[in-house]
Amino acid sequence: AMEKSYVSMFLLLIVISCALAKDAGKKDSKDTTAKPKLPQTLSRGWGDQLIWTQTYEEALFRAKHSQKPLMIIHHLEDCPHSQALKKVFAEHKDIQKLAEKFILLNLVYETTDKNLAPDGQYVPRVLFIDPSLTVRADITGRYSNRLYAYEPSDISLLYSNMQKALKLLKTEL
C-alpha cells in the first residue's frame, strides 16, 4: 500500500509541475493590476475562490474518496445561456458557500460517459453524482424537455437541489 501512495504522490507532482510550467508560459501584460492572482483557469468564472477539479476522472476519484457529492456544470463560453447562469451562480453568496461541500467540475466539452447526458447534450446543464459514483438523475430542474437545465431565474431551485444532493448523502449512507 505504501508504494501506491508514493506513485500517486509522484503523479500528482508531475501534474502540478506541468500545470505550473504551462502557466509560466502565459505571462501577460495584464499582470500590472494589483489584484491578487488566482488561477481562474479551472473555475472559468463559476467561482474563483472554489476548488475545481480538472478532469471528470479526477472528479470521480475525489468524490469517491472524500465521500462528497460531485457537481458537474456543462457549459460553453460562447453560449449566452451559460454565461447568464454563470454570472448569477458566481454572484450567489449562499451557492458559493454551499459549493465548498462539493467536489466541483465545470466542462466546456462532453465526456464519453453517456450517463452525463441522460436527456441530451445541451448547455448549460448541471448534474449531481453521489460518492457511490451514481449520477443522480432524480435531481432535476423545472423543464421537462431539458431536465438538468437552469436559467438565471431558477437559481434558488439550483440552490435547493444542491441542498438535496447533500441531504441524500446523509440519509443514504
N, C-alpha and C. Protein backbone atom coordinates (compact mmCIF):
# COMPACT_ATOMS: atom_id res chain seq x y z
N ALA A 1 0.85 -1.20 0.00
CA ALA A 1 0.00 0.00 0.00
C ALA A 1 0.88 1.25 0.00
N MET A 2 2.05 1.12 0.62
CA MET A 2 2.95 2.27 0.70
C MET A 2 3.38 2.73 -0.69
N GLU A 3 3.77 1.76 -1.52
CA GLU A 3 4.25 2.12 -2.87
C GLU A 3 3.15 2.89 -3.63
N LYS A 4 1.92 2.44 -3.44
CA LYS A 4 0.82 3.02 -4.17
C LYS A 4 0.69 4.52 -3.89
N SER A 5 0.78 4.89 -2.60
CA SER A 5 0.64 6.30 -2.27
C SER A 5 1.83 7.10 -2.81
N TYR A 6 3.00 6.48 -2.84
CA TYR A 6 4.15 7.17 -3.43
C TYR A 6 3.90 7.44 -4.91
N VAL A 7 3.39 6.44 -5.58
CA VAL A 7 3.14 6.59 -7.03
C VAL A 7 2.14 7.72 -7.27
N SER A 8 1.03 7.71 -6.50
CA SER A 8 0.04 8.75 -6.75
C SER A 8 0.59 10.12 -6.38
N MET A 9 1.40 10.21 -5.33
CA MET A 9 2.01 11.49 -5.00
C MET A 9 2.94 11.94 -6.13
N PHE A 10 3.68 11.00 -6.66
CA PHE A 10 4.60 11.31 -7.74
C PHE A 10 3.84 11.82 -8.97
N LEU A 11 2.75 11.12 -9.30
CA LEU A 11 1.93 11.54 -10.44
C LEU A 11 1.37 12.94 -10.20
N LEU A 12 0.91 13.17 -8.96
CA LEU A 12 0.35 14.47 -8.61
C LEU A 12 1.41 15.56 -8.81
N LEU A 13 2.64 15.27 -8.38
CA LEU A 13 3.71 16.24 -8.54
C LEU A 13 3.97 16.53 -10.02
N ILE A 14 3.93 15.49 -10.83
CA ILE A 14 4.12 15.68 -12.27
C ILE A 14 3.03 16.58 -12.82
N VAL A 15 1.77 16.29 -12.44
CA VAL A 15 0.63 17.09 -12.91
C VAL A 15 0.80 18.55 -12.49
N ILE A 16 1.16 18.75 -11.22
CA ILE A 16 1.30 20.11 -10.70
C ILE A 16 2.42 20.84 -11.44
N SER A 17 3.56 20.15 -11.64
CA SER A 17 4.67 20.83 -12.31
C SER A 17 4.33 21.14 -13.77
N CYS A 18 3.58 20.24 -14.42
CA CYS A 18 3.14 20.52 -15.79
C CYS A 18 2.25 21.76 -15.82
N ALA A 19 1.33 21.80 -14.85
CA ALA A 19 0.39 22.92 -14.79
C ALA A 19 1.14 24.23 -14.56
N LEU A 20 2.15 24.18 -13.67
CA LEU A 20 2.92 25.39 -13.38
C LEU A 20 3.72 25.81 -14.60
N ALA A 21 4.30 24.83 -15.27
CA ALA A 21 5.09 25.14 -16.46
C ALA A 21 4.22 25.78 -17.53
N LYS A 22 3.00 25.26 -17.64
CA LYS A 22 2.07 25.78 -18.64
C LYS A 22 1.74 27.24 -18.33
N ASP A 23 1.46 27.52 -17.03
CA ASP A 23 1.10 28.87 -16.64
C ASP A 23 2.27 29.84 -16.78
N ALA A 24 3.48 29.33 -16.57
CA ALA A 24 4.66 30.19 -16.64
C ALA A 24 4.81 30.78 -18.05
N GLY A 25 4.38 30.01 -19.05
CA GLY A 25 4.49 30.49 -20.42
C GLY A 25 3.49 31.58 -20.75
N LYS A 26 2.45 31.72 -19.91
CA LYS A 26 1.38 32.66 -20.23
C LYS A 26 1.51 33.96 -19.47
N LYS A 27 2.66 34.55 -19.42
CA LYS A 27 2.81 35.82 -18.71
C LYS A 27 2.24 36.94 -19.59
N ASP A 28 1.14 37.50 -19.13
CA ASP A 28 0.50 38.56 -19.90
C ASP A 28 1.00 39.92 -19.44
N SER A 29 0.66 40.93 -20.23
CA SER A 29 0.96 42.29 -19.79
C SER A 29 -0.09 42.73 -18.78
N LYS A 30 -1.12 41.89 -18.59
CA LYS A 30 -2.20 42.21 -17.67
C LYS A 30 -1.78 42.06 -16.21
N ASP A 31 -0.55 41.60 -15.96
CA ASP A 31 -0.10 41.36 -14.59
C ASP A 31 0.13 42.64 -13.81
N THR A 32 -0.08 43.77 -14.46
CA THR A 32 0.19 45.04 -13.80
C THR A 32 -0.89 45.39 -12.77
N THR A 33 -2.08 44.77 -12.89
CA THR A 33 -3.15 45.06 -11.93
C THR A 33 -2.75 44.55 -10.54
N ALA A 34 -3.24 45.25 -9.52
CA ALA A 34 -2.83 44.93 -8.15
C ALA A 34 -3.66 43.82 -7.52
N LYS A 35 -4.62 43.29 -8.25
CA LYS A 35 -5.47 42.23 -7.69
C LYS A 35 -4.65 40.97 -7.43
N PRO A 36 -4.96 40.27 -6.33
CA PRO A 36 -4.22 39.02 -6.07
C PRO A 36 -4.47 38.02 -7.20
N LYS A 37 -3.43 37.39 -7.67
CA LYS A 37 -3.56 36.48 -8.80
C LYS A 37 -4.08 35.12 -8.34
N LEU A 38 -5.27 34.77 -8.78
CA LEU A 38 -5.81 33.45 -8.52
C LEU A 38 -5.90 32.74 -9.86
N PRO A 39 -5.52 31.47 -9.90
CA PRO A 39 -5.64 30.77 -11.17
C PRO A 39 -7.12 30.58 -11.51
N GLN A 40 -7.59 31.25 -12.54
CA GLN A 40 -9.00 31.21 -12.89
C GLN A 40 -9.27 30.15 -13.96
N THR A 41 -8.24 29.44 -14.35
CA THR A 41 -8.40 28.52 -15.47
C THR A 41 -9.45 27.45 -15.18
N LEU A 42 -9.39 26.83 -14.02
CA LEU A 42 -10.33 25.73 -13.75
C LEU A 42 -11.72 26.21 -13.37
N SER A 43 -11.83 27.36 -12.74
CA SER A 43 -13.15 27.85 -12.33
C SER A 43 -13.90 28.39 -13.55
N ARG A 44 -13.17 28.88 -14.53
CA ARG A 44 -13.75 29.51 -15.72
C ARG A 44 -14.81 30.55 -15.36
N GLY A 45 -14.66 31.13 -14.15
CA GLY A 45 -15.58 32.20 -13.75
C GLY A 45 -16.78 31.74 -12.92
N TRP A 46 -16.88 30.45 -12.63
CA TRP A 46 -18.03 29.95 -11.88
C TRP A 46 -17.85 30.11 -10.36
N GLY A 47 -16.68 30.52 -9.94
CA GLY A 47 -16.41 30.69 -8.51
C GLY A 47 -14.92 30.59 -8.31
N ASP A 48 -14.24 31.71 -8.45
CA ASP A 48 -12.78 31.70 -8.46
C ASP A 48 -12.19 31.32 -7.10
N GLN A 49 -12.98 31.46 -6.02
CA GLN A 49 -12.49 31.09 -4.69
C GLN A 49 -12.62 29.60 -4.43
N LEU A 50 -13.38 28.91 -5.26
CA LEU A 50 -13.67 27.49 -5.03
C LEU A 50 -12.59 26.61 -5.64
N ILE A 51 -12.50 25.39 -5.15
CA ILE A 51 -11.53 24.43 -5.68
C ILE A 51 -12.22 23.59 -6.75
N TRP A 52 -11.73 23.69 -7.97
CA TRP A 52 -12.32 22.96 -9.10
C TRP A 52 -11.39 21.83 -9.53
N THR A 53 -11.98 20.70 -9.89
CA THR A 53 -11.16 19.62 -10.42
C THR A 53 -10.93 19.86 -11.91
N GLN A 54 -9.91 19.20 -12.43
CA GLN A 54 -9.50 19.45 -13.80
C GLN A 54 -10.18 18.51 -14.80
N THR A 55 -10.38 17.25 -14.39
CA THR A 55 -10.95 16.28 -15.32
C THR A 55 -12.08 15.51 -14.64
N TYR A 56 -12.91 14.89 -15.46
CA TYR A 56 -14.02 14.07 -14.96
C TYR A 56 -13.48 12.92 -14.12
N GLU A 57 -12.40 12.28 -14.59
CA GLU A 57 -11.81 11.15 -13.87
C GLU A 57 -11.32 11.58 -12.48
N GLU A 58 -10.66 12.72 -12.43
CA GLU A 58 -10.17 13.23 -11.15
C GLU A 58 -11.35 13.53 -10.22
N ALA A 59 -12.41 14.10 -10.79
CA ALA A 59 -13.59 14.46 -10.00
C ALA A 59 -14.24 13.22 -9.40
N LEU A 60 -14.37 12.16 -10.20
CA LEU A 60 -14.96 10.91 -9.72
C LEU A 60 -14.11 10.32 -8.59
N PHE A 61 -12.81 10.33 -8.79
CA PHE A 61 -11.87 9.80 -7.80
C PHE A 61 -12.03 10.55 -6.48
N ARG A 62 -12.08 11.88 -6.58
CA ARG A 62 -12.15 12.69 -5.36
C ARG A 62 -13.50 12.56 -4.67
N ALA A 63 -14.58 12.42 -5.45
CA ALA A 63 -15.92 12.24 -4.86
C ALA A 63 -15.95 10.94 -4.07
N LYS A 64 -15.42 9.90 -4.67
CA LYS A 64 -15.44 8.58 -4.03
C LYS A 64 -14.61 8.58 -2.75
N HIS A 65 -13.43 9.18 -2.80
CA HIS A 65 -12.51 9.10 -1.67
C HIS A 65 -12.79 10.12 -0.58
N SER A 66 -13.44 11.22 -0.93
CA SER A 66 -13.77 12.23 0.09
C SER A 66 -15.18 12.02 0.63
N GLN A 67 -15.94 11.13 -0.03
CA GLN A 67 -17.36 10.93 0.31
C GLN A 67 -18.16 12.23 0.22
N LYS A 68 -17.81 13.05 -0.77
CA LYS A 68 -18.58 14.26 -1.04
C LYS A 68 -19.31 14.07 -2.37
N PRO A 69 -20.47 14.71 -2.52
CA PRO A 69 -21.11 14.63 -3.83
C PRO A 69 -20.36 15.48 -4.85
N LEU A 70 -20.51 15.11 -6.10
CA LEU A 70 -19.86 15.83 -7.19
C LEU A 70 -20.92 16.61 -7.95
N MET A 71 -20.59 17.85 -8.26
CA MET A 71 -21.50 18.69 -9.05
C MET A 71 -20.79 19.02 -10.36
N ILE A 72 -21.42 18.67 -11.46
CA ILE A 72 -20.82 18.91 -12.78
C ILE A 72 -21.65 19.92 -13.54
N ILE A 73 -21.00 20.97 -14.00
CA ILE A 73 -21.67 22.00 -14.79
C ILE A 73 -21.14 21.92 -16.23
N HIS A 74 -22.02 21.60 -17.16
CA HIS A 74 -21.65 21.64 -18.58
C HIS A 74 -22.05 23.01 -19.12
N HIS A 75 -21.13 23.65 -19.78
CA HIS A 75 -21.43 24.99 -20.30
C HIS A 75 -20.54 25.26 -21.49
N LEU A 76 -20.81 26.37 -22.19
CA LEU A 76 -19.95 26.79 -23.30
C LEU A 76 -19.68 28.28 -23.16
N GLU A 77 -18.45 28.66 -23.47
CA GLU A 77 -18.04 30.06 -23.30
C GLU A 77 -18.85 31.00 -24.20
N ASP A 78 -19.24 30.53 -25.38
CA ASP A 78 -19.94 31.43 -26.32
C ASP A 78 -21.46 31.23 -26.30
N CYS A 79 -21.96 30.57 -25.25
CA CYS A 79 -23.41 30.35 -25.13
C CYS A 79 -23.98 31.39 -24.16
N PRO A 80 -24.88 32.25 -24.63
CA PRO A 80 -25.41 33.31 -23.74
C PRO A 80 -26.14 32.75 -22.52
N HIS A 81 -26.79 31.60 -22.65
CA HIS A 81 -27.50 30.99 -21.52
C HIS A 81 -26.49 30.53 -20.46
N SER A 82 -25.38 29.93 -20.92
CA SER A 82 -24.32 29.51 -19.99
C SER A 82 -23.75 30.73 -19.27
N GLN A 83 -23.49 31.78 -20.04
CA GLN A 83 -22.90 32.99 -19.47
C GLN A 83 -23.81 33.61 -18.42
N ALA A 84 -25.10 33.63 -18.71
CA ALA A 84 -26.07 34.23 -17.80
C ALA A 84 -26.16 33.43 -16.50
N LEU A 85 -26.18 32.09 -16.64
CA LEU A 85 -26.24 31.24 -15.44
C LEU A 85 -24.96 31.37 -14.62
N LYS A 86 -23.83 31.41 -15.32
CA LYS A 86 -22.53 31.53 -14.64
C LYS A 86 -22.49 32.80 -13.78
N LYS A 87 -23.01 33.90 -14.35
CA LYS A 87 -22.98 35.18 -13.65
C LYS A 87 -23.75 35.09 -12.33
N VAL A 88 -25.00 34.58 -12.38
CA VAL A 88 -25.78 34.52 -11.14
C VAL A 88 -25.22 33.48 -10.17
N PHE A 89 -24.67 32.40 -10.70
CA PHE A 89 -24.07 31.35 -9.87
C PHE A 89 -22.87 31.92 -9.10
N ALA A 90 -22.02 32.64 -9.81
CA ALA A 90 -20.79 33.19 -9.21
C ALA A 90 -21.11 34.29 -8.19
N GLU A 91 -22.23 35.00 -8.40
CA GLU A 91 -22.56 36.12 -7.52
C GLU A 91 -23.48 35.72 -6.37
N HIS A 92 -23.93 34.47 -6.36
CA HIS A 92 -24.87 33.99 -5.34
C HIS A 92 -24.06 33.51 -4.12
N LYS A 93 -24.07 34.34 -3.07
CA LYS A 93 -23.21 34.06 -1.91
C LYS A 93 -23.50 32.70 -1.29
N ASP A 94 -24.79 32.35 -1.13
CA ASP A 94 -25.15 31.09 -0.49
C ASP A 94 -24.71 29.89 -1.33
N ILE A 95 -24.86 30.01 -2.63
CA ILE A 95 -24.44 28.92 -3.52
C ILE A 95 -22.93 28.74 -3.44
N GLN A 96 -22.21 29.85 -3.48
CA GLN A 96 -20.75 29.76 -3.43
C GLN A 96 -20.29 29.12 -2.12
N LYS A 97 -21.01 29.42 -1.02
CA LYS A 97 -20.66 28.85 0.28
C LYS A 97 -20.98 27.35 0.29
N LEU A 98 -22.17 27.00 -0.21
CA LEU A 98 -22.60 25.60 -0.21
C LEU A 98 -21.72 24.77 -1.15
N ALA A 99 -21.25 25.39 -2.22
CA ALA A 99 -20.43 24.68 -3.21
C ALA A 99 -19.14 24.13 -2.61
N GLU A 100 -18.70 24.72 -1.49
CA GLU A 100 -17.48 24.24 -0.82
C GLU A 100 -17.63 22.81 -0.32
N LYS A 101 -18.88 22.36 -0.15
CA LYS A 101 -19.12 21.00 0.35
C LYS A 101 -19.13 19.96 -0.77
N PHE A 102 -18.94 20.42 -2.01
CA PHE A 102 -18.97 19.53 -3.17
C PHE A 102 -17.59 19.37 -3.79
N ILE A 103 -17.41 18.27 -4.49
CA ILE A 103 -16.32 18.19 -5.47
C ILE A 103 -16.90 18.89 -6.70
N LEU A 104 -16.15 19.78 -7.31
CA LEU A 104 -16.70 20.63 -8.37
C LEU A 104 -15.97 20.43 -9.69
N LEU A 105 -16.75 20.42 -10.76
CA LEU A 105 -16.17 20.31 -12.10
C LEU A 105 -17.05 21.09 -13.06
N ASN A 106 -16.45 21.94 -13.86
CA ASN A 106 -17.21 22.54 -14.96
C ASN A 106 -16.52 22.16 -16.26
N LEU A 107 -17.31 21.82 -17.24
CA LEU A 107 -16.79 21.29 -18.51
C LEU A 107 -17.31 22.08 -19.69
N VAL A 108 -16.41 22.38 -20.62
CA VAL A 108 -16.83 23.02 -21.87
C VAL A 108 -16.79 22.02 -23.02
N TYR A 109 -16.67 20.73 -22.67
CA TYR A 109 -16.71 19.68 -23.68
C TYR A 109 -17.46 18.51 -23.07
N GLU A 110 -17.93 17.60 -23.90
CA GLU A 110 -18.67 16.44 -23.41
C GLU A 110 -17.69 15.32 -23.07
N THR A 111 -18.01 14.55 -22.04
CA THR A 111 -17.21 13.37 -21.73
C THR A 111 -17.76 12.20 -22.56
N THR A 112 -17.09 11.08 -22.51
CA THR A 112 -17.60 9.90 -23.22
C THR A 112 -18.64 9.16 -22.38
N ASP A 113 -18.86 9.63 -21.14
CA ASP A 113 -19.81 8.97 -20.25
C ASP A 113 -21.24 9.38 -20.60
N LYS A 114 -21.98 8.45 -21.18
CA LYS A 114 -23.36 8.74 -21.61
C LYS A 114 -24.27 9.05 -20.43
N ASN A 115 -23.88 8.62 -19.22
CA ASN A 115 -24.70 8.90 -18.04
C ASN A 115 -24.77 10.39 -17.72
N LEU A 116 -23.83 11.15 -18.27
CA LEU A 116 -23.82 12.59 -18.01
C LEU A 116 -24.72 13.35 -19.00
N ALA A 117 -25.33 12.62 -19.91
CA ALA A 117 -26.27 13.23 -20.84
C ALA A 117 -27.55 12.39 -20.88
N PRO A 118 -28.23 12.26 -19.72
CA PRO A 118 -29.40 11.37 -19.67
C PRO A 118 -30.48 11.79 -20.66
N ASP A 119 -30.58 13.09 -20.94
CA ASP A 119 -31.61 13.53 -21.88
C ASP A 119 -31.03 14.51 -22.91
N GLY A 120 -29.77 14.30 -23.27
CA GLY A 120 -29.18 15.11 -24.34
C GLY A 120 -27.99 15.94 -23.89
N GLN A 121 -27.27 16.45 -24.88
CA GLN A 121 -26.02 17.18 -24.61
C GLN A 121 -26.22 18.68 -24.77
N TYR A 122 -27.19 19.24 -24.05
CA TYR A 122 -27.42 20.69 -24.13
C TYR A 122 -26.61 21.39 -23.04
N VAL A 123 -26.45 22.69 -23.19
CA VAL A 123 -25.82 23.51 -22.14
C VAL A 123 -26.70 24.73 -21.88
N PRO A 124 -26.63 25.30 -20.70
CA PRO A 124 -25.95 24.74 -19.54
C PRO A 124 -26.78 23.63 -18.90
N ARG A 125 -26.11 22.63 -18.37
CA ARG A 125 -26.82 21.62 -17.58
C ARG A 125 -25.97 21.23 -16.38
N VAL A 126 -26.65 20.94 -15.29
CA VAL A 126 -25.98 20.67 -14.03
C VAL A 126 -26.44 19.31 -13.51
N LEU A 127 -25.48 18.44 -13.26
CA LEU A 127 -25.78 17.10 -12.76
C LEU A 127 -25.03 16.84 -11.46
N PHE A 128 -25.64 16.03 -10.62
CA PHE A 128 -25.02 15.66 -9.35
C PHE A 128 -24.70 14.17 -9.37
N ILE A 129 -23.54 13.82 -8.82
CA ILE A 129 -23.11 12.43 -8.74
C ILE A 129 -22.76 12.15 -7.28
N ASP A 130 -23.31 11.07 -6.71
CA ASP A 130 -23.02 10.80 -5.30
C ASP A 130 -21.71 10.01 -5.17
N PRO A 131 -21.20 9.87 -3.94
CA PRO A 131 -19.90 9.20 -3.75
C PRO A 131 -19.87 7.73 -4.16
N SER A 132 -21.05 7.12 -4.37
CA SER A 132 -21.05 5.76 -4.90
C SER A 132 -20.88 5.82 -6.42
N LEU A 133 -20.69 7.04 -6.94
CA LEU A 133 -20.49 7.32 -8.37
C LEU A 133 -21.75 7.04 -9.20
N THR A 134 -22.90 7.28 -8.56
CA THR A 134 -24.18 7.19 -9.26
C THR A 134 -24.62 8.58 -9.68
N VAL A 135 -24.95 8.74 -10.97
CA VAL A 135 -25.49 10.02 -11.43
C VAL A 135 -26.91 10.15 -10.87
N ARG A 136 -27.16 11.25 -10.16
CA ARG A 136 -28.47 11.44 -9.55
C ARG A 136 -29.43 12.05 -10.57
N ALA A 137 -29.99 11.17 -11.39
CA ALA A 137 -30.94 11.61 -12.41
C ALA A 137 -32.23 12.11 -11.78
N ASP A 138 -32.36 11.87 -10.46
CA ASP A 138 -33.58 12.30 -9.76
C ASP A 138 -33.50 13.76 -9.28
N ILE A 139 -32.36 14.41 -9.43
CA ILE A 139 -32.26 15.82 -9.04
C ILE A 139 -32.32 16.67 -10.30
N THR A 140 -33.50 17.21 -10.55
CA THR A 140 -33.76 17.87 -11.84
C THR A 140 -34.19 19.32 -11.66
N GLY A 141 -34.11 20.04 -12.75
CA GLY A 141 -34.60 21.42 -12.80
C GLY A 141 -36.09 21.41 -13.10
N ARG A 142 -36.58 22.55 -13.64
CA ARG A 142 -38.04 22.66 -13.79
C ARG A 142 -38.52 22.39 -15.22
N TYR A 143 -37.62 22.05 -16.13
CA TYR A 143 -38.05 21.89 -17.52
C TYR A 143 -38.12 20.42 -17.90
N SER A 144 -39.28 20.00 -18.40
CA SER A 144 -39.47 18.58 -18.69
C SER A 144 -38.69 18.16 -19.94
N ASN A 145 -38.42 19.12 -20.83
CA ASN A 145 -37.68 18.76 -22.05
C ASN A 145 -36.17 18.86 -21.89
N ARG A 146 -35.73 19.54 -20.85
CA ARG A 146 -34.30 19.63 -20.53
C ARG A 146 -34.17 19.55 -19.02
N LEU A 147 -34.10 18.32 -18.52
CA LEU A 147 -34.26 18.08 -17.08
C LEU A 147 -33.18 18.74 -16.22
N TYR A 148 -31.98 18.94 -16.78
CA TYR A 148 -30.87 19.43 -15.96
C TYR A 148 -30.45 20.84 -16.33
N ALA A 149 -31.38 21.54 -17.02
CA ALA A 149 -31.12 22.93 -17.42
C ALA A 149 -31.62 23.88 -16.34
N TYR A 150 -30.89 24.97 -16.15
CA TYR A 150 -31.31 26.01 -15.22
C TYR A 150 -31.13 27.36 -15.90
N GLU A 151 -32.09 28.23 -15.73
CA GLU A 151 -31.96 29.61 -16.20
C GLU A 151 -31.57 30.46 -14.99
N PRO A 152 -31.10 31.69 -15.24
CA PRO A 152 -30.76 32.55 -14.10
C PRO A 152 -31.91 32.67 -13.10
N SER A 153 -33.16 32.68 -13.58
CA SER A 153 -34.31 32.81 -12.68
C SER A 153 -34.54 31.55 -11.84
N ASP A 154 -33.87 30.45 -12.19
CA ASP A 154 -34.03 29.18 -11.45
C ASP A 154 -32.94 29.01 -10.38
N ILE A 155 -32.21 30.07 -10.08
CA ILE A 155 -31.03 29.90 -9.24
C ILE A 155 -31.39 29.39 -7.84
N SER A 156 -32.58 29.76 -7.32
CA SER A 156 -32.97 29.27 -5.99
C SER A 156 -33.30 27.78 -6.05
N LEU A 157 -33.82 27.32 -7.19
CA LEU A 157 -34.08 25.89 -7.36
C LEU A 157 -32.75 25.12 -7.42
N LEU A 158 -31.78 25.69 -8.11
CA LEU A 158 -30.46 25.05 -8.16
C LEU A 158 -29.86 24.97 -6.75
N TYR A 159 -30.05 26.05 -5.99
CA TYR A 159 -29.56 26.06 -4.62
C TYR A 159 -30.22 24.96 -3.79
N SER A 160 -31.54 24.82 -3.91
CA SER A 160 -32.21 23.78 -3.11
C SER A 160 -31.85 22.39 -3.62
N ASN A 161 -31.55 22.25 -4.92
CA ASN A 161 -31.08 20.96 -5.45
C ASN A 161 -29.70 20.60 -4.90
N MET A 162 -28.87 21.62 -4.70
CA MET A 162 -27.57 21.37 -4.09
C MET A 162 -27.76 20.89 -2.65
N GLN A 163 -28.71 21.51 -1.94
CA GLN A 163 -29.01 21.07 -0.58
C GLN A 163 -29.53 19.64 -0.58
N LYS A 164 -30.38 19.34 -1.58
CA LYS A 164 -30.95 18.00 -1.70
C LYS A 164 -29.84 16.97 -1.93
N ALA A 165 -28.88 17.31 -2.78
CA ALA A 165 -27.77 16.38 -3.07
C ALA A 165 -26.98 16.08 -1.81
N LEU A 166 -26.81 17.07 -0.96
CA LEU A 166 -26.08 16.87 0.30
C LEU A 166 -26.93 16.08 1.30
N LYS A 167 -28.24 16.35 1.31
CA LYS A 167 -29.14 15.67 2.24
C LYS A 167 -29.26 14.18 1.90
N LEU A 168 -29.37 13.87 0.62
CA LEU A 168 -29.47 12.48 0.16
C LEU A 168 -28.32 11.67 0.69
N LEU A 169 -27.17 12.33 0.69
CA LEU A 169 -25.95 11.68 1.14
C LEU A 169 -26.07 11.21 2.58
N LYS A 170 -26.61 12.12 3.43
CA LYS A 170 -26.73 11.81 4.85
C LYS A 170 -27.71 10.66 5.07
N THR A 171 -28.83 10.67 4.33
CA THR A 171 -29.87 9.67 4.58
C THR A 171 -29.49 8.30 4.01
N GLU A 172 -28.65 8.28 2.97
CA GLU A 172 -28.39 7.02 2.30
C GLU A 172 -27.16 6.29 2.81
N LEU A 173 -26.26 7.00 3.46
CA LEU A 173 -25.01 6.34 3.88
C LEU A 173 -25.18 5.72 5.28
